[in-house]
Amino acid sequence: MSRYTKEHYEDVARLLRAHHLEGNDCDVQDVVRAFADLFATDNPILCIYCGYIKGTTEICDSADGRLRNEHLFEGGFDREQFLAACGLEGEN
């Protein structure tokens, strides 16, 4: 994840948390979850070998032509961390 992207997510989380603490729970919580869904869709967890999205049932056929027994998923947007940063710890 680029530094700009990381800072962008942190800025949005900070803004939404500030509104959440002002007492507008219902509406802001919905907005926070919508942002989390958007960010997760925009930056999914991918296999570092083949590029498939986490949850795939496809065989891992890496770019170098090797078939692997398992995918190795890394990166992506951390939805739970974002929700916690916005003051919605433990919510799915």
PDB file of N, CA and C in Angstrom:
ATOM      1  N   MET A   1       0.857  -1.173   0.000  1.00  0.00           N
ATOM      2  CA  MET A   1       0.000   0.000   0.000  1.00  0.00           C
ATOM      3  C   MET A   1       0.900   1.232   0.000  1.00  0.00           C
ATOM      4  N   SER A   2       0.585   2.177  -0.839  1.00  0.00           N
ATOM      5  CA  SER A   2       1.402   3.387  -0.917  1.00  0.00           C
ATOM      6  C   SER A   2       1.210   4.245   0.330  1.00  0.00           C
ATOM      7  N   ARG A   3       2.194   5.090   0.596  1.00  0.00           N
ATOM      8  CA  ARG A   3       2.105   5.980   1.753  1.00  0.00           C
ATOM      9  C   ARG A   3       0.895   6.902   1.621  1.00  0.00           C
ATOM     10  N   TYR A   4       0.665   7.399   0.401  1.00  0.00           N
ATOM     11  CA  TYR A   4      -0.491   8.269   0.171  1.00  0.00           C
ATOM     12  C   TYR A   4      -1.779   7.538   0.517  1.00  0.00           C
ATOM     13  N   THR A   5      -1.904   6.310   0.042  1.00  0.00           N
ATOM     14  CA  THR A   5      -3.116   5.543   0.291  1.00  0.00           C
ATOM     15  C   THR A   5      -3.302   5.322   1.783  1.00  0.00           C
ATOM     16  N   LYS A   6      -2.226   4.934   2.485  1.00  0.00           N
ATOM     17  CA  LYS A   6      -2.299   4.693   3.926  1.00  0.00           C
ATOM     18  C   LYS A   6      -2.736   5.969   4.650  1.00  0.00           C
ATOM     19  N   GLU A   7      -2.132   7.086   4.300  1.00  0.00           N
ATOM     20  CA  GLU A   7      -2.497   8.349   4.938  1.00  0.00           C
ATOM     21  C   GLU A   7      -3.931   8.746   4.590  1.00  0.00           C
ATOM     22  N   HIS A   8      -4.360   8.452   3.387  1.00  0.00           N
ATOM     23  CA  HIS A   8      -5.731   8.748   2.973  1.00  0.00           C
ATOM     24  C   HIS A   8      -6.720   7.991   3.858  1.00  0.00           C
ATOM     25  N   TYR A   9      -6.493   6.691   4.042  1.00  0.00           N
ATOM     26  CA  TYR A   9      -7.373   5.890   4.898  1.00  0.00           C
ATOM     27  C   TYR A   9      -7.369   6.427   6.329  1.00  0.00           C
ATOM     28  N   GLU A  10      -6.186   6.779   6.833  1.00  0.00           N
ATOM     29  CA  GLU A  10      -6.087   7.300   8.196  1.00  0.00           C
ATOM     30  C   GLU A  10      -6.829   8.622   8.336  1.00  0.00           C
ATOM     31  N   ASP A  11      -6.723   9.490   7.342  1.00  0.00           N
ATOM     32  CA  ASP A  11      -7.427  10.775   7.386  1.00  0.00           C
ATOM     33  C   ASP A  11      -8.937  10.583   7.394  1.00  0.00           C
ATOM     34  N   VAL A  12      -9.420   9.691   6.557  1.00  0.00           N
ATOM     35  CA  VAL A  12     -10.862   9.425   6.511  1.00  0.00           C
ATOM     36  C   VAL A  12     -11.318   8.836   7.843  1.00  0.00           C
ATOM     37  N   ALA A  13     -10.551   7.904   8.394  1.00  0.00           N
ATOM     38  CA  ALA A  13     -10.903   7.299   9.683  1.00  0.00           C
ATOM     39  C   ALA A  13     -10.950   8.355  10.780  1.00  0.00           C
ATOM     40  N   ARG A  14      -9.982   9.266  10.782  1.00  0.00           N
ATOM     41  CA  ARG A  14      -9.931  10.327  11.786  1.00  0.00           C
ATOM     42  C   ARG A  14     -11.167  11.227  11.678  1.00  0.00           C
ATOM     43  N   LEU A  15     -11.531  11.584  10.476  1.00  0.00           N
ATOM     44  CA  LEU A  15     -12.701  12.429  10.244  1.00  0.00           C
ATOM     45  C   LEU A  15     -13.985  11.740  10.707  1.00  0.00           C
ATOM     46  N   LEU A  16     -14.145  10.490  10.325  1.00  0.00           N
ATOM     47  CA  LEU A  16     -15.360   9.770  10.700  1.00  0.00           C
ATOM     48  C   LEU A  16     -15.429   9.527  12.201  1.00  0.00           C
ATOM     49  N   ARG A  17     -14.284   9.273  12.833  1.00  0.00           N
ATOM     50  CA  ARG A  17     -14.263   9.070  14.280  1.00  0.00           C
ATOM     51  C   ARG A  17     -14.693  10.358  14.990  1.00  0.00           C
ATOM     52  N   ALA A  18     -14.240  11.499  14.521  1.00  0.00           N
ATOM     53  CA  ALA A  18     -14.611  12.771  15.133  1.00  0.00           C
ATOM     54  C   ALA A  18     -16.120  12.964  15.081  1.00  0.00           C
ATOM     55  N   HIS A  19     -16.739  12.635  13.954  1.00  0.00           N
ATOM     56  CA  HIS A  19     -18.196  12.756  13.841  1.00  0.00           C
ATOM     57  C   HIS A  19     -18.901  11.726  14.705  1.00  0.00           C
ATOM     58  N   HIS A  20     -18.334  10.534  14.809  1.00  0.00           N
ATOM     59  CA  HIS A  20     -18.923   9.467  15.627  1.00  0.00           C
ATOM     60  C   HIS A  20     -18.970   9.899  17.089  1.00  0.00           C
ATOM     61  N   LEU A  21     -17.920  10.555  17.572  1.00  0.00           N
ATOM     62  CA  LEU A  21     -17.853  10.973  18.962  1.00  0.00           C
ATOM     63  C   LEU A  21     -18.800  12.128  19.266  1.00  0.00           C
ATOM     64  N   GLU A  22     -19.292  12.805  18.242  1.00  0.00           N
ATOM     65  CA  GLU A  22     -20.231  13.907  18.447  1.00  0.00           C
ATOM     66  C   GLU A  22     -21.641  13.412  18.732  1.00  0.00           C
ATOM     67  N   GLY A  23     -21.878  12.127  18.622  1.00  0.00           N
ATOM     68  CA  GLY A  23     -23.177  11.581  18.971  1.00  0.00           C
ATOM     69  C   GLY A  23     -24.082  11.256  17.804  1.00  0.00           C
ATOM     70  N   ASN A  24     -23.616  11.320  16.597  1.00  0.00           N
ATOM     71  CA  ASN A  24     -24.430  10.988  15.427  1.00  0.00           C
ATOM     72  C   ASN A  24     -24.239   9.527  15.046  1.00  0.00           C
ATOM     73  N   ASP A  25     -24.393   8.632  16.020  1.00  0.00           N
ATOM     74  CA  ASP A  25     -24.022   7.227  15.857  1.00  0.00           C
ATOM     75  C   ASP A  25     -24.645   6.539  14.657  1.00  0.00           C
ATOM     76  N   CYS A  26     -25.946   6.570  14.530  1.00  0.00           N
ATOM     77  CA  CYS A  26     -26.601   5.774  13.496  1.00  0.00           C
ATOM     78  C   CYS A  26     -26.132   6.121  12.096  1.00  0.00           C
ATOM     79  N   ASP A  27     -26.263   7.355  11.730  1.00  0.00           N
ATOM     80  CA  ASP A  27     -25.898   7.755  10.377  1.00  0.00           C
ATOM     81  C   ASP A  27     -24.406   7.593  10.112  1.00  0.00           C
ATOM     82  N   VAL A  28     -23.578   8.002  11.058  1.00  0.00           N
ATOM     83  CA  VAL A  28     -22.138   7.931  10.867  1.00  0.00           C
ATOM     84  C   VAL A  28     -21.673   6.479  10.803  1.00  0.00           C
ATOM     85  N   GLN A  29     -22.241   5.615  11.618  1.00  0.00           N
ATOM     86  CA  GLN A  29     -21.850   4.203  11.577  1.00  0.00           C
ATOM     87  C   GLN A  29     -22.134   3.606  10.203  1.00  0.00           C
ATOM     88  N   ASP A  30     -23.254   3.973   9.633  1.00  0.00           N
ATOM     89  CA  ASP A  30     -23.575   3.487   8.286  1.00  0.00           C
ATOM     90  C   ASP A  30     -22.573   4.006   7.259  1.00  0.00           C
ATOM     91  N   VAL A  31     -22.186   5.273   7.398  1.00  0.00           N
ATOM     92  CA  VAL A  31     -21.213   5.863   6.481  1.00  0.00           C
ATOM     93  C   VAL A  31     -19.848   5.198   6.659  1.00  0.00           C
ATOM     94  N   VAL A  32     -19.452   4.962   7.902  1.00  0.00           N
ATOM     95  CA  VAL A  32     -18.176   4.299   8.181  1.00  0.00           C
ATOM     96  C   VAL A  32     -18.145   2.926   7.524  1.00  0.00           C
ATOM     97  N   ARG A  33     -19.197   2.160   7.694  1.00  0.00           N
ATOM     98  CA  ARG A  33     -19.252   0.815   7.102  1.00  0.00           C
ATOM     99  C   ARG A  33     -19.241   0.886   5.569  1.00  0.00           C
ATOM    100  N   ALA A  34     -19.907   1.879   5.022  1.00  0.00           N
ATOM    101  CA  ALA A  34     -19.914   2.036   3.565  1.00  0.00           C
ATOM    102  C   ALA A  34     -18.508   2.354   3.051  1.00  0.00           C
ATOM    103  N   PHE A  35     -17.788   3.242   3.752  1.00  0.00           N
ATOM    104  CA  PHE A  35     -16.405   3.526   3.380  1.00  0.00           C
ATOM    105  C   PHE A  35     -15.550   2.272   3.499  1.00  0.00           C
ATOM    106  N   ALA A  36     -15.721   1.525   4.584  1.00  0.00           N
ATOM    107  CA  ALA A  36     -14.938   0.298   4.783  1.00  0.00           C
ATOM    108  C   ALA A  36     -15.178  -0.688   3.643  1.00  0.00           C
ATOM    109  N   ASP A  37     -16.424  -0.842   3.248  1.00  0.00           N
ATOM    110  CA  ASP A  37     -16.741  -1.745   2.131  1.00  0.00           C
ATOM    111  C   ASP A  37     -16.109  -1.253   0.832  1.00  0.00           C
ATOM    112  N   LEU A  38     -16.185   0.045   0.602  1.00  0.00           N
ATOM    113  CA  LEU A  38     -15.607   0.634  -0.604  1.00  0.00           C
ATOM    114  C   LEU A  38     -14.095   0.430  -0.651  1.00  0.00           C
ATOM    115  N   PHE A  39     -13.418   0.721   0.460  1.00  0.00           N
ATOM    116  CA  PHE A  39     -11.966   0.573   0.508  1.00  0.00           C
ATOM    117  C   PHE A  39     -11.552  -0.890   0.347  1.00  0.00           C
ATOM    118  N   ALA A  40     -12.305  -1.806   0.966  1.00  0.00           N
ATOM    119  CA  ALA A  40     -11.980  -3.232   0.856  1.00  0.00           C
ATOM    120  C   ALA A  40     -12.153  -3.721  -0.579  1.00  0.00           C
ATOM    121  N   THR A  41     -13.173  -3.239  -1.252  1.00  0.00           N
ATOM    122  CA  THR A  41     -13.395  -3.613  -2.650  1.00  0.00           C
ATOM    123  C   THR A  41     -12.295  -3.046  -3.539  1.00  0.00           C
ATOM    124  N   ASP A  42     -11.873  -1.833  -3.239  1.00  0.00           N
ATOM    125  CA  ASP A  42     -10.850  -1.160  -4.033  1.00  0.00           C
ATOM    126  C   ASP A  42      -9.456  -1.751  -3.829  1.00  0.00           C
ATOM    127  N   ASN A  43      -9.217  -2.360  -2.671  1.00  0.00           N
ATOM    128  CA  ASN A  43      -7.882  -2.861  -2.338  1.00  0.00           C
ATOM    129  C   ASN A  43      -8.003  -4.244  -1.696  1.00  0.00           C
ATOM    130  N   PRO A  44      -8.370  -5.275  -2.476  1.00  0.00           N
ATOM    131  CA  PRO A  44      -8.590  -6.615  -1.915  1.00  0.00           C
ATOM    132  C   PRO A  44      -7.283  -7.315  -1.540  1.00  0.00           C
ATOM    133  N   ILE A  45      -7.402  -8.328  -0.701  1.00  0.00           N
ATOM    134  CA  ILE A  45      -6.269  -9.174  -0.344  1.00  0.00           C
ATOM    135  C   ILE A  45      -6.013 -10.110  -1.520  1.00  0.00           C
ATOM    136  N   LEU A  46      -4.765 -10.126  -2.009  1.00  0.00           N
ATOM    137  CA  LEU A  46      -4.415 -10.900  -3.200  1.00  0.00           C
ATOM    138  C   LEU A  46      -3.321 -11.916  -2.905  1.00  0.00           C
ATOM    139  N   CYS A  47      -3.300 -12.982  -3.705  1.00  0.00           N
ATOM    140  CA  CYS A  47      -2.211 -13.957  -3.656  1.00  0.00           C
ATOM    141  C   CYS A  47      -0.968 -13.307  -4.254  1.00  0.00           C
ATOM    142  N   ILE A  48       0.152 -13.399  -3.551  1.00  0.00           N
ATOM    143  CA  ILE A  48       1.374 -12.762  -4.052  1.00  0.00           C
ATOM    144  C   ILE A  48       1.959 -13.501  -5.248  1.00  0.00           C
ATOM    145  N   TYR A  49       1.542 -14.741  -5.467  1.00  0.00           N
ATOM    146  CA  TYR A  49       2.067 -15.521  -6.586  1.00  0.00           C
ATOM    147  C   TYR A  49       1.260 -15.333  -7.870  1.00  0.00           C
ATOM    148  N   CYS A  50      -0.067 -15.423  -7.767  1.00  0.00           N
ATOM    149  CA  CYS A  50      -0.889 -15.430  -8.982  1.00  0.00           C
ATOM    150  C   CYS A  50      -1.798 -14.211  -9.128  1.00  0.00           C
ATOM    151  N   GLY A  51      -2.013 -13.475  -8.032  1.00  0.00           N
ATOM    152  CA  GLY A  51      -2.847 -12.285  -8.100  1.00  0.00           C
ATOM    153  C   GLY A  51      -4.330 -12.523  -7.898  1.00  0.00           C
ATOM    154  N   TYR A  52      -4.730 -13.772  -7.608  1.00  0.00           N
ATOM    155  CA  TYR A  52      -6.148 -14.042  -7.369  1.00  0.00           C
ATOM    156  C   TYR A  52      -6.586 -13.431  -6.040  1.00  0.00           C
ATOM    157  N   ILE A  53      -7.853 -13.061  -5.969  1.00  0.00           N
ATOM    158  CA  ILE A  53      -8.423 -12.467  -4.764  1.00  0.00           C
ATOM    159  C   ILE A  53      -8.676 -13.553  -3.723  1.00  0.00           C
ATOM    160  N   LYS A  54      -8.465 -13.197  -2.440  1.00  0.00           N
ATOM    161  CA  LYS A  54      -8.696 -14.132  -1.339  1.00  0.00           C
ATOM    162  C   LYS A  54     -10.112 -14.688  -1.425  1.00  0.00           C
ATOM    163  N   GLY A  55     -10.243 -15.994  -1.219  1.00  0.00           N
ATOM    164  CA  GLY A  55     -11.531 -16.658  -1.308  1.00  0.00           C
ATOM    165  C   GLY A  55     -11.706 -17.428  -2.607  1.00  0.00           C
ATOM    166  N   THR A  56     -10.766 -17.289  -3.523  1.00  0.00           N
ATOM    167  CA  THR A  56     -10.862 -17.982  -4.798  1.00  0.00           C
ATOM    168  C   THR A  56     -10.743 -19.493  -4.610  1.00  0.00           C
ATOM    169  N   THR A  57     -11.340 -20.230  -5.497  1.00  0.00           N
ATOM    170  CA  THR A  57     -11.208 -21.689  -5.487  1.00  0.00           C
ATOM    171  C   THR A  57     -10.303 -22.154  -6.624  1.00  0.00           C
ATOM    172  N   GLU A  58      -9.736 -21.210  -7.358  1.00  0.00           N
ATOM    173  CA  GLU A  58      -8.846 -21.527  -8.477  1.00  0.00           C
ATOM    174  C   GLU A  58      -7.494 -22.037  -7.975  1.00  0.00           C
ATOM    175  N   ILE A  59      -6.830 -22.841  -8.783  1.00  0.00           N
ATOM    176  CA  ILE A  59      -5.477 -23.303  -8.490  1.00  0.00           C
ATOM    177  C   ILE A  59      -4.528 -22.121  -8.626  1.00  0.00           C
ATOM    178  N   CYS A  60      -3.521 -22.079  -7.754  1.00  0.00           N
ATOM    179  CA  CYS A  60      -2.533 -21.004  -7.793  1.00  0.00           C
ATOM    180  C   CYS A  60      -1.545 -21.277  -8.918  1.00  0.00           C
ATOM    181  N   ASP A  61      -1.730 -20.581 -10.024  1.00  0.00           N
ATOM    182  CA  ASP A  61      -0.820 -20.707 -11.168  1.00  0.00           C
ATOM    183  C   ASP A  61      -0.049 -19.397 -11.302  1.00  0.00           C
ATOM    184  N   SER A  62       1.117 -19.369 -10.702  1.00  0.00           N
ATOM    185  CA  SER A  62       1.883 -18.136 -10.607  1.00  0.00           C
ATOM    186  C   SER A  62       2.375 -17.647 -11.965  1.00  0.00           C
ATOM    187  N   ALA A  63       2.781 -16.401 -11.983  1.00  0.00           N
ATOM    188  CA  ALA A  63       3.227 -15.761 -13.222  1.00  0.00           C
ATOM    189  C   ALA A  63       4.444 -16.457 -13.827  1.00  0.00           C
ATOM    190  N   ASP A  64       5.237 -17.143 -12.999  1.00  0.00           N
ATOM    191  CA  ASP A  64       6.418 -17.833 -13.527  1.00  0.00           C
ATOM    192  C   ASP A  64       6.088 -19.223 -14.070  1.00  0.00           C
ATOM    193  N   GLY A  65       4.799 -19.571 -14.101  1.00  0.00           N
ATOM    194  CA  GLY A  65       4.362 -20.839 -14.672  1.00  0.00           C
ATOM    195  C   GLY A  65       4.294 -21.996 -13.697  1.00  0.00           C
ATOM    196  N   ARG A  66       4.717 -21.779 -12.464  1.00  0.00           N
ATOM    197  CA  ARG A  66       4.678 -22.846 -11.461  1.00  0.00           C
ATOM    198  C   ARG A  66       3.282 -22.971 -10.870  1.00  0.00           C
ATOM    199  N   LEU A  67       2.843 -24.204 -10.660  1.00  0.00           N
ATOM    200  CA  LEU A  67       1.600 -24.450  -9.935  1.00  0.00           C
ATOM    201  C   LEU A  67       1.956 -24.648  -8.469  1.00  0.00           C
ATOM    202  N   ARG A  68       1.198 -24.041  -7.595  1.00  0.00           N
ATOM    203  CA  ARG A  68       1.472 -24.141  -6.157  1.00  0.00           C
ATOM    204  C   ARG A  68       0.291 -24.821  -5.477  1.00  0.00           C
ATOM    205  N   ASN A  69       0.582 -25.497  -4.373  1.00  0.00           N
ATOM    206  CA  ASN A  69      -0.465 -26.187  -3.622  1.00  0.00           C
ATOM    207  C   ASN A  69      -1.409 -25.209  -2.939  1.00  0.00           C
ATOM    208  N   GLU A  70      -0.877 -24.069  -2.510  1.00  0.00           N
ATOM    209  CA  GLU A  70      -1.687 -23.097  -1.782  1.00  0.00           C
ATOM    210  C   GLU A  70      -1.342 -21.682  -2.231  1.00  0.00           C
ATOM    211  N   HIS A  71      -2.324 -20.813  -2.106  1.00  0.00           N
ATOM    212  CA  HIS A  71      -2.106 -19.387  -2.347  1.00  0.00           C
ATOM    213  C   HIS A  71      -1.432 -18.788  -1.111  1.00  0.00           C
ATOM    214  N   LEU A  72      -0.766 -17.676  -1.287  1.00  0.00           N
ATOM    215  CA  LEU A  72      -0.221 -16.908  -0.171  1.00  0.00           C
ATOM    216  C   LEU A  72      -0.814 -15.506  -0.280  1.00  0.00           C
ATOM    217  N   PHE A  73      -1.849 -15.270   0.538  1.00  0.00           N
ATOM    218  CA  PHE A  73      -2.569 -14.002   0.474  1.00  0.00           C
ATOM    219  C   PHE A  73      -1.935 -12.988   1.415  1.00  0.00           C
ATOM    220  N   GLU A  74      -1.703 -11.789   0.893  1.00  0.00           N
ATOM    221  CA  GLU A  74      -1.136 -10.702   1.685  1.00  0.00           C
ATOM    222  C   GLU A  74      -1.718  -9.376   1.225  1.00  0.00           C
ATOM    223  N   GLY A  75      -1.465  -8.360   2.054  1.00  0.00           N
ATOM    224  CA  GLY A  75      -1.847  -7.004   1.690  1.00  0.00           C
ATOM    225  C   GLY A  75      -3.340  -6.773   1.792  1.00  0.00           C
ATOM    226  N   GLY A  76      -3.796  -5.834   1.027  1.00  0.00           N
ATOM    227  CA  GLY A  76      -5.211  -5.501   1.027  1.00  0.00           C
ATOM    228  C   GLY A  76      -5.588  -4.548   2.147  1.00  0.00           C
ATOM    229  N   PHE A  77      -6.797  -4.087   2.081  1.00  0.00           N
ATOM    230  CA  PHE A  77      -7.334  -3.148   3.063  1.00  0.00           C
ATOM    231  C   PHE A  77      -7.774  -3.908   4.300  1.00  0.00           C
ATOM    232  N   ASP A  78      -7.391  -3.426   5.481  1.00  0.00           N
ATOM    233  CA  ASP A  78      -7.757  -4.061   6.748  1.00  0.00           C
ATOM    234  C   ASP A  78      -9.029  -3.403   7.281  1.00  0.00           C
ATOM    235  N   ARG A  79     -10.158  -4.017   6.969  1.00  0.00           N
ATOM    236  CA  ARG A  79     -11.468  -3.464   7.331  1.00  0.00           C
ATOM    237  C   ARG A  79     -11.614  -3.315   8.846  1.00  0.00           C
ATOM    238  N   GLU A  80     -11.197  -4.350   9.599  1.00  0.00           N
ATOM    239  CA  GLU A  80     -11.342  -4.323  11.054  1.00  0.00           C
ATOM    240  C   GLU A  80     -10.508  -3.204  11.678  1.00  0.00           C
ATOM    241  N   GLN A  81      -9.299  -2.999  11.171  1.00  0.00           N
ATOM    242  CA  GLN A  81      -8.448  -1.934  11.686  1.00  0.00           C
ATOM    243  C   GLN A  81      -9.080  -0.568  11.406  1.00  0.00           C
ATOM    244  N   PHE A  82      -9.647  -0.409  10.229  1.00  0.00           N
ATOM    245  CA  PHE A  82     -10.305   0.846   9.875  1.00  0.00           C
ATOM    246  C   PHE A  82     -11.509   1.100  10.785  1.00  0.00           C
ATOM    247  N   LEU A  83     -12.340   0.078  10.996  1.00  0.00           N
ATOM    248  CA  LEU A  83     -13.501   0.241  11.869  1.00  0.00           C
ATOM    249  C   LEU A  83     -13.065   0.618  13.279  1.00  0.00           C
ATOM    250  N   ALA A  84     -11.995  -0.009  13.777  1.00  0.00           N
ATOM    251  CA  ALA A  84     -11.484   0.319  15.109  1.00  0.00           C
ATOM    252  C   ALA A  84     -10.985   1.763  15.159  1.00  0.00           C
ATOM    253  N   ALA A  85     -10.301   2.208  14.109  1.00  0.00           N
ATOM    254  CA  ALA A  85      -9.797   3.580  14.062  1.00  0.00           C
ATOM    255  C   ALA A  85     -10.932   4.598  14.051  1.00  0.00           C
ATOM    256  N   CYS A  86     -12.089   4.177  13.562  1.00  0.00           N
ATOM    257  CA  CYS A  86     -13.264   5.056  13.516  1.00  0.00           C
ATOM    258  C   CYS A  86     -14.102   4.960  14.788  1.00  0.00           C
ATOM    259  N   GLY A  87     -13.663   4.157  15.738  1.00  0.00           N
ATOM    260  CA  GLY A  87     -14.385   4.032  16.998  1.00  0.00           C
ATOM    261  C   GLY A  87     -15.434   2.946  17.006  1.00  0.00           C
ATOM    262  N   LEU A  88     -15.366   2.018  16.075  1.00  0.00           N
ATOM    263  CA  LEU A  88     -16.338   0.922  16.005  1.00  0.00           C
ATOM    264  C   LEU A  88     -15.641  -0.416  16.243  1.00  0.00           C
ATOM    265  N   GLU A  89     -14.871  -0.516  17.326  1.00  0.00           N
ATOM    266  CA  GLU A  89     -14.128  -1.736  17.625  1.00  0.00           C
ATOM    267  C   GLU A  89     -15.046  -2.935  17.735  1.00  0.00           C
ATOM    268  N   GLY A  90     -14.563  -4.057  17.219  1.00  0.00           N
ATOM    269  CA  GLY A  90     -15.268  -5.324  17.367  1.00  0.00           C
ATOM    270  C   GLY A  90     -16.516  -5.472  16.532  1.00  0.00           C
ATOM    271  N   GLU A  91     -16.749  -4.586  15.578  1.00  0.00           N
ATOM    272  CA  GLU A  91     -17.941  -4.691  14.740  1.00  0.00           C
ATOM    273  C   GLU A  91     -17.566  -5.281  13.399  1.00  0.00           C
ATOM    274  N   ASN A  92     -18.422  -6.131  12.869  1.00  0.00           N
ATOM    275  CA  ASN A  92     -18.155  -6.760  11.570  1.00  0.00           C
ATOM    276  C   ASN A  92     -19.051  -6.211  10.512  1.00  0.00           C
TER     277      ASN A  92
END
